[in-house]
Amino acid sequence: MNITREQILSALAGVRDPEVPVLSVIDLGIVREVIIDGDSVEVKITPTYSGCPALQVIEDNIVHTLRDKGFPKSRVTTVYSPAWTTDWMSEEAKNKLREYGIAPPQEAAPQDLVSIRKPSKPIICPFCRSTHTTMQSAFGATSCKAQYFCDACHQPFEYFKAF
């Protein structure tokens, strides 16, 4: 069997994030490396943060997807360094978030390597594109998101925090 990196990446594009199902593991940028050794495949991933409750589900879904696609000798290795950053998300991923109703991450200020503070720029509403938004809670449905409200269109929405 002649396995290519492109075949593996194509299969991984179908593996969805269980917390934000509009995004794949490729969109998120958590796939760091694909190692092919004969008929064995190792996928190295970096979680969005070290305490991510979806990590085991993601790992299992990667292995099951690859095995279903004809790569039975597949495994996942989790790598924590360097730490994941929202800079690894594709622009397509950020557009998908916006279309899904989640404000995509803004660029972190250069001095903020990992910022859990309120963003310095206004968060843009994914529904009406207004900058007249207010943080309701620093934490949304998951730790990587915050809850916002748009004062223009009166819609609540989540903001995917920049890390």
Protein backbone atom coordinates (compact mmCIF):
# COMPACT_ATOMS: atom_id res chain seq x y z
CA MET A 1 0.00 0.00 0.00
CA ASN A 2 1.40 3.38 -1.04
CA ILE A 3 0.02 5.90 1.46
CA THR A 4 0.42 9.60 0.75
CA ARG A 5 0.26 12.57 3.08
CA GLU A 6 -2.47 14.05 0.86
CA GLN A 7 -4.68 10.96 1.40
CA ILE A 8 -4.32 11.29 5.15
CA LEU A 9 -5.00 15.04 5.17
CA SER A 10 -8.05 14.51 2.95
CA ALA A 11 -9.41 11.95 5.42
CA LEU A 12 -8.67 14.24 8.38
CA ALA A 13 -10.60 17.07 6.73
CA GLY A 14 -13.70 15.03 7.57
CA VAL A 15 -12.91 14.76 11.29
CA ARG A 16 -15.01 17.41 13.04
CA ASP A 17 -14.33 19.19 16.31
CA PRO A 18 -17.00 17.83 18.68
CA GLU A 19 -17.38 21.24 20.35
CA VAL A 20 -17.52 23.30 17.13
CA PRO A 21 -18.75 20.82 14.50
CA VAL A 22 -18.49 23.30 11.64
CA LEU A 23 -14.67 22.97 11.91
CA SER A 24 -12.44 20.03 11.07
CA VAL A 25 -9.20 19.20 12.84
CA ILE A 26 -7.47 20.56 9.73
CA ASP A 27 -9.42 23.85 9.91
CA LEU A 28 -8.47 24.24 13.57
CA GLY A 29 -4.80 23.73 12.79
CA ILE A 30 -4.35 21.09 15.49
CA VAL A 31 -2.82 18.56 13.08
CA ARG A 32 0.90 19.23 13.45
CA GLU A 33 2.46 16.38 11.54
CA VAL A 34 1.64 13.23 9.58
CA ILE A 35 4.26 10.48 9.66
CA ILE A 36 3.95 7.58 7.25
CA ASP A 37 6.14 4.52 7.74
CA GLY A 38 5.21 1.80 5.28
CA ASP A 39 1.57 1.01 6.06
CA SER A 40 1.59 2.75 9.46
CA VAL A 41 0.30 6.27 9.99
CA GLU A 42 0.98 8.51 12.96
CA VAL A 43 -0.86 11.81 13.29
CA LYS A 44 0.58 14.30 15.74
CA ILE A 45 -1.90 16.80 17.13
CA THR A 46 -1.74 19.72 19.52
CA PRO A 47 -4.92 20.38 21.51
CA THR A 48 -6.38 23.87 21.58
CA TYR A 49 -5.48 23.89 25.26
CA SER A 50 -4.00 21.28 27.58
CA GLY A 51 -7.25 20.68 29.50
CA CYS A 52 -9.44 20.29 26.41
CA PRO A 53 -12.28 17.93 27.40
CA ALA A 54 -12.79 16.90 23.76
CA LEU A 55 -9.22 15.68 23.25
CA GLN A 56 -9.93 11.97 23.72
CA VAL A 57 -12.96 12.15 21.41
CA ILE A 58 -10.86 13.91 18.76
CA GLU A 59 -8.09 11.32 19.04
CA ASP A 60 -10.60 8.45 18.79
CA ASN A 61 -12.36 10.06 15.81
CA ILE A 62 -9.05 10.49 13.96
CA VAL A 63 -8.12 6.84 14.46
CA HIS A 64 -11.60 5.57 13.53
CA THR A 65 -11.78 7.77 10.44
CA LEU A 66 -8.36 6.68 9.19
CA ARG A 67 -9.17 3.02 9.80
CA ASP A 68 -12.52 3.42 7.99
CA LYS A 69 -10.66 5.01 5.05
CA GLY A 70 -8.38 2.00 4.74
CA PHE A 71 -5.46 2.88 7.01
CA PRO A 72 -5.73 0.20 9.74
CA LYS A 73 -2.37 0.92 11.37
CA SER A 74 -3.13 4.45 12.53
CA ARG A 75 -2.39 6.16 15.81
CA VAL A 76 -2.46 9.63 17.30
CA THR A 77 0.26 11.25 19.37
CA THR A 78 -0.56 14.38 21.35
CA VAL A 79 2.14 17.04 21.39
CA TYR A 80 1.85 19.96 23.82
CA SER A 81 4.82 22.04 22.71
CA PRO A 82 4.69 24.43 21.08
CA ALA A 83 1.30 25.35 22.52
CA TRP A 84 -1.57 25.73 20.04
CA THR A 85 -2.46 29.24 18.95
CA THR A 86 -5.44 30.59 17.06
CA ASP A 87 -2.88 31.78 14.51
CA TRP A 88 -2.82 28.15 13.32
CA MET A 89 -6.48 28.35 12.28
CA SER A 90 -7.01 28.85 8.58
CA GLU A 91 -8.81 31.89 7.24
CA GLU A 92 -11.39 29.45 5.89
CA ALA A 93 -11.92 28.23 9.48
CA LYS A 94 -12.47 31.78 10.69
CA ASN A 95 -15.01 32.34 7.91
CA LYS A 96 -16.78 29.09 8.83
CA LEU A 97 -16.99 30.23 12.45
CA ARG A 98 -18.49 33.56 11.38
CA GLU A 99 -21.06 31.83 9.15
CA TYR A 100 -21.91 29.48 12.03
CA GLY A 101 -22.59 32.45 14.32
CA ILE A 102 -19.36 32.47 16.33
CA ALA A 103 -17.09 35.51 16.15
CA PRO A 104 -13.65 34.28 15.04
CA PRO A 105 -10.55 35.05 17.08
CA GLN A 106 -8.82 38.35 16.59
CA GLU A 107 -5.06 38.59 16.48
CA ALA A 108 -3.59 38.68 19.97
CA ALA A 109 -1.63 41.78 20.85
CA PRO A 110 2.12 41.13 20.42
CA GLN A 111 2.79 41.38 24.16
CA ASP A 112 0.02 38.88 24.95
CA LEU A 113 1.46 35.42 24.34
CA VAL A 114 -1.65 33.87 25.82
CA SER A 115 -4.34 36.31 26.80
CA ILE A 116 -7.40 35.51 28.84
CA ARG A 117 -8.18 39.19 29.24
CA LYS A 118 -10.89 41.05 27.39
CA PRO A 119 -9.79 41.75 23.81
CA SER A 120 -8.49 45.28 23.23
CA LYS A 121 -10.46 45.74 19.99
CA PRO A 122 -14.25 45.48 19.78
CA ILE A 123 -15.55 42.04 18.85
CA ILE A 124 -17.43 42.09 15.55
CA CYS A 125 -20.90 40.55 15.58
CA PRO A 126 -20.97 37.56 13.21
CA PHE A 127 -24.59 38.32 12.30
CA CYS A 128 -24.67 42.04 11.44
CA ARG A 129 -20.93 42.91 11.53
CA SER A 130 -21.49 45.63 14.14
CA THR A 131 -18.71 46.54 16.56
CA HIS A 132 -21.27 47.56 19.18
CA THR A 133 -20.94 44.40 21.22
CA THR A 134 -20.66 43.68 24.92
CA MET A 135 -19.08 40.76 26.74
CA GLN A 136 -21.67 38.97 28.88
CA SER A 137 -19.37 36.28 30.26
CA ALA A 138 -15.66 35.53 29.88
CA PHE A 139 -16.62 31.89 29.37
CA GLY A 140 -19.10 30.44 26.90
CA ALA A 141 -20.15 26.85 26.35
CA THR A 142 -16.46 25.93 26.38
CA SER A 143 -13.44 27.56 27.99
CA CYS A 144 -12.08 28.68 24.63
CA LYS A 145 -15.12 30.88 23.96
CA ALA A 146 -16.67 33.94 25.59
CA GLN A 147 -20.32 34.99 25.52
CA TYR A 148 -21.17 38.33 23.82
CA PHE A 149 -24.26 40.34 22.98
CA CYS A 150 -24.73 42.60 19.96
CA ASP A 151 -26.30 45.93 20.87
CA ALA A 152 -27.15 46.57 17.20
CA CYS A 153 -29.04 43.40 16.17
CA HIS A 154 -29.74 42.17 19.73
CA GLN A 155 -28.30 38.72 19.08
CA PRO A 156 -26.23 36.79 21.61
CA PHE A 157 -23.17 35.10 20.15
CA GLU A 158 -19.96 33.41 21.17
CA TYR A 159 -16.45 34.70 20.51
CA PHE A 160 -13.67 32.18 19.92
CA LYS A 161 -10.88 33.60 22.11
CA ALA A 162 -7.46 34.34 20.68
CA PHE A 163 -4.70 32.26 22.26
